[in-house]
């Protein structure tokens, strides 16, 4: 038996735009492990309705929408801006992107 609490949530989530490569970059600071291995993080982008979040497949997902441990150590996810400009996302040009 192991006493402890679950790992803390990520903090300092930042969304930036890489204009050179036309990519969106979501980055974060990993929360405290509290003695447990963090094996994955879920990365999701807010849709235009302001409430619904969806994963950005296949760029920020592995194994049911969760980034694996190798991706967690990098603490970022990069995907093409064009991926979220389609009809499913309804994000107009020059709108904010929230990871």
C-alpha atoms as a PDB file:
ATOM      1  CA  UNK A   1       0.000   0.000   0.000  1.00  0.00           C
ATOM      2  CA  UNK A   2       1.201   3.512  -0.777  1.00  0.00           C
ATOM      3  CA  UNK A   3      -0.120   6.572   1.005  1.00  0.00           C
ATOM      4  CA  UNK A   4      -0.189   9.815  -0.921  1.00  0.00           C
ATOM      5  CA  UNK A   5      -2.296  11.929  -3.166  1.00  0.00           C
ATOM      6  CA  UNK A   6      -2.634  11.942  -6.909  1.00  0.00           C
ATOM      7  CA  UNK A   7      -0.280  14.062  -9.040  1.00  0.00           C
ATOM      8  CA  UNK A   8      -1.124  17.758  -9.254  1.00  0.00           C
ATOM      9  CA  UNK A   9      -2.651  19.299 -12.362  1.00  0.00           C
ATOM     10  CA  UNK A  10      -0.434  21.055 -14.867  1.00  0.00           C
ATOM     11  CA  UNK A  11      -0.001  24.809 -14.485  1.00  0.00           C
ATOM     12  CA  UNK A  12       1.071  27.733 -16.627  1.00  0.00           C
ATOM     13  CA  UNK A  13      -0.607  26.483 -19.802  1.00  0.00           C
ATOM     14  CA  UNK A  14       0.493  28.721 -22.667  1.00  0.00           C
ATOM     15  CA  UNK A  15      -0.673  28.733 -26.278  1.00  0.00           C
ATOM     16  CA  UNK A  16       1.642  30.309 -28.858  1.00  0.00           C
ATOM     17  CA  UNK A  17       1.715  30.572 -32.637  1.00  0.00           C
ATOM     18  CA  UNK A  18       4.782  29.660 -34.659  1.00  0.00           C
ATOM     19  CA  UNK A  19       4.269  31.862 -37.734  1.00  0.00           C
ATOM     20  CA  UNK A  20       7.334  30.468 -39.511  1.00  0.00           C
ATOM     21  CA  UNK A  21       5.877  26.947 -39.609  1.00  0.00           C
ATOM     22  CA  UNK A  22       2.185  27.892 -39.209  1.00  0.00           C
ATOM     23  CA  UNK A  23       1.930  25.737 -36.075  1.00  0.00           C
ATOM     24  CA  UNK A  24       0.143  26.120 -32.758  1.00  0.00           C
ATOM     25  CA  UNK A  25       2.221  25.172 -29.719  1.00  0.00           C
ATOM     26  CA  UNK A  26       0.611  24.270 -26.381  1.00  0.00           C
ATOM     27  CA  UNK A  27       3.075  24.134 -23.500  1.00  0.00           C
ATOM     28  CA  UNK A  28       2.742  23.716 -19.756  1.00  0.00           C
ATOM     29  CA  UNK A  29       4.534  23.239 -16.470  1.00  0.00           C
ATOM     30  CA  UNK A  30       4.109  19.729 -15.129  1.00  0.00           C
ATOM     31  CA  UNK A  31       2.454  19.538 -11.701  1.00  0.00           C
ATOM     32  CA  UNK A  32       3.954  17.849  -8.660  1.00  0.00           C
ATOM     33  CA  UNK A  33       4.174  14.064  -8.933  1.00  0.00           C
ATOM     34  CA  UNK A  34       3.394  13.527  -5.238  1.00  0.00           C
ATOM     35  CA  UNK A  35       5.426  10.330  -5.436  1.00  0.00           C
ATOM     36  CA  UNK A  36       3.684   8.864  -8.481  1.00  0.00           C
ATOM     37  CA  UNK A  37       4.916   8.549 -12.071  1.00  0.00           C
ATOM     38  CA  UNK A  38       3.046  10.787 -14.493  1.00  0.00           C
ATOM     39  CA  UNK A  39       2.430   8.602 -17.508  1.00  0.00           C
ATOM     40  CA  UNK A  40       0.358  10.955 -19.651  1.00  0.00           C
ATOM     41  CA  UNK A  41      -1.390  14.266 -20.116  1.00  0.00           C
ATOM     42  CA  UNK A  42      -4.524  15.027 -22.099  1.00  0.00           C
ATOM     43  CA  UNK A  43      -4.210  17.997 -24.461  1.00  0.00           C
ATOM     44  CA  UNK A  44      -7.425  19.547 -25.754  1.00  0.00           C
ATOM     45  CA  UNK A  45      -8.373  22.707 -27.659  1.00  0.00           C
ATOM     46  CA  UNK A  46     -11.482  24.774 -26.942  1.00  0.00           C
ATOM     47  CA  UNK A  47     -13.985  24.946 -29.795  1.00  0.00           C
ATOM     48  CA  UNK A  48     -15.684  28.133 -30.926  1.00  0.00           C
ATOM     49  CA  UNK A  49     -18.680  27.524 -28.626  1.00  0.00           C
ATOM     50  CA  UNK A  50     -16.412  28.452 -25.703  1.00  0.00           C
ATOM     51  CA  UNK A  51     -17.321  25.324 -23.718  1.00  0.00           C
ATOM     52  CA  UNK A  52     -16.396  22.178 -25.618  1.00  0.00           C
ATOM     53  CA  UNK A  53     -12.817  20.887 -25.646  1.00  0.00           C
ATOM     54  CA  UNK A  54     -11.547  18.233 -28.055  1.00  0.00           C
ATOM     55  CA  UNK A  55      -8.205  16.549 -28.592  1.00  0.00           C
ATOM     56  CA  UNK A  56      -6.264  17.424 -31.717  1.00  0.00           C
ATOM     57  CA  UNK A  57      -5.847  14.037 -33.358  1.00  0.00           C
ATOM     58  CA  UNK A  58      -3.437  12.730 -34.433  1.00  0.00           C
ATOM     59  CA  UNK A  59      -0.995  15.440 -33.356  1.00  0.00           C
ATOM     60  CA  UNK A  60      -1.550  15.716 -29.620  1.00  0.00           C
ATOM     61  CA  UNK A  61      -2.884  12.275 -28.930  1.00  0.00           C
ATOM     62  CA  UNK A  62      -1.647   8.789 -28.354  1.00  0.00           C
ATOM     63  CA  UNK A  63      -3.582   5.986 -26.701  1.00  0.00           C
ATOM     64  CA  UNK A  64      -7.142   7.313 -26.283  1.00  0.00           C
ATOM     65  CA  UNK A  65      -6.222  10.983 -26.442  1.00  0.00           C
ATOM     66  CA  UNK A  66      -3.480  10.951 -23.823  1.00  0.00           C
ATOM     67  CA  UNK A  67       0.098  11.948 -24.556  1.00  0.00           C
ATOM     68  CA  UNK A  68       2.545   9.250 -23.539  1.00  0.00           C
ATOM     69  CA  UNK A  69       5.356   9.638 -21.024  1.00  0.00           C
ATOM     70  CA  UNK A  70       7.898  10.660 -23.688  1.00  0.00           C
ATOM     71  CA  UNK A  71       5.628  13.507 -24.774  1.00  0.00           C
ATOM     72  CA  UNK A  72       4.956  14.489 -21.163  1.00  0.00           C
ATOM     73  CA  UNK A  73       8.649  15.034 -20.549  1.00  0.00           C
ATOM     74  CA  UNK A  74       8.718  17.561 -23.384  1.00  0.00           C
ATOM     75  CA  UNK A  75       5.765  19.410 -21.857  1.00  0.00           C
ATOM     76  CA  UNK A  76       4.441  20.645 -25.180  1.00  0.00           C
ATOM     77  CA  UNK A  77       2.314  19.660 -28.127  1.00  0.00           C
ATOM     78  CA  UNK A  78       2.641  21.146 -31.621  1.00  0.00           C
ATOM     79  CA  UNK A  79       0.100  20.903 -34.434  1.00  0.00           C
ATOM     80  CA  UNK A  80      -0.670  22.718 -37.708  1.00  0.00           C
ATOM     81  CA  UNK A  81      -3.021  25.690 -37.406  1.00  0.00           C
ATOM     82  CA  UNK A  82      -4.939  24.320 -40.397  1.00  0.00           C
ATOM     83  CA  UNK A  83      -6.006  21.341 -38.244  1.00  0.00           C
ATOM     84  CA  UNK A  84      -8.408  23.486 -36.215  1.00  0.00           C
ATOM     85  CA  UNK A  85      -9.648  25.836 -38.917  1.00  0.00           C
ATOM     86  CA  UNK A  86     -12.047  23.311 -40.447  1.00  0.00           C
ATOM     87  CA  UNK A  87     -15.794  22.991 -40.050  1.00  0.00           C
ATOM     88  CA  UNK A  88     -15.532  20.795 -36.934  1.00  0.00           C
ATOM     89  CA  UNK A  89     -13.840  23.572 -34.954  1.00  0.00           C
ATOM     90  CA  UNK A  90     -15.471  26.706 -36.415  1.00  0.00           C
ATOM     91  CA  UNK A  91     -12.605  28.908 -35.242  1.00  0.00           C
ATOM     92  CA  UNK A  92     -12.580  32.079 -37.319  1.00  0.00           C
ATOM     93  CA  UNK A  93      -9.282  33.530 -38.443  1.00  0.00           C
ATOM     94  CA  UNK A  94      -7.597  35.799 -35.848  1.00  0.00           C
ATOM     95  CA  UNK A  95      -9.495  34.250 -32.944  1.00  0.00           C
ATOM     96  CA  UNK A  96      -7.883  33.112 -29.689  1.00  0.00           C
ATOM     97  CA  UNK A  97      -6.835  29.486 -29.311  1.00  0.00           C
ATOM     98  CA  UNK A  98      -7.078  27.901 -25.858  1.00  0.00           C
ATOM     99  CA  UNK A  99      -5.282  24.698 -24.897  1.00  0.00           C
END
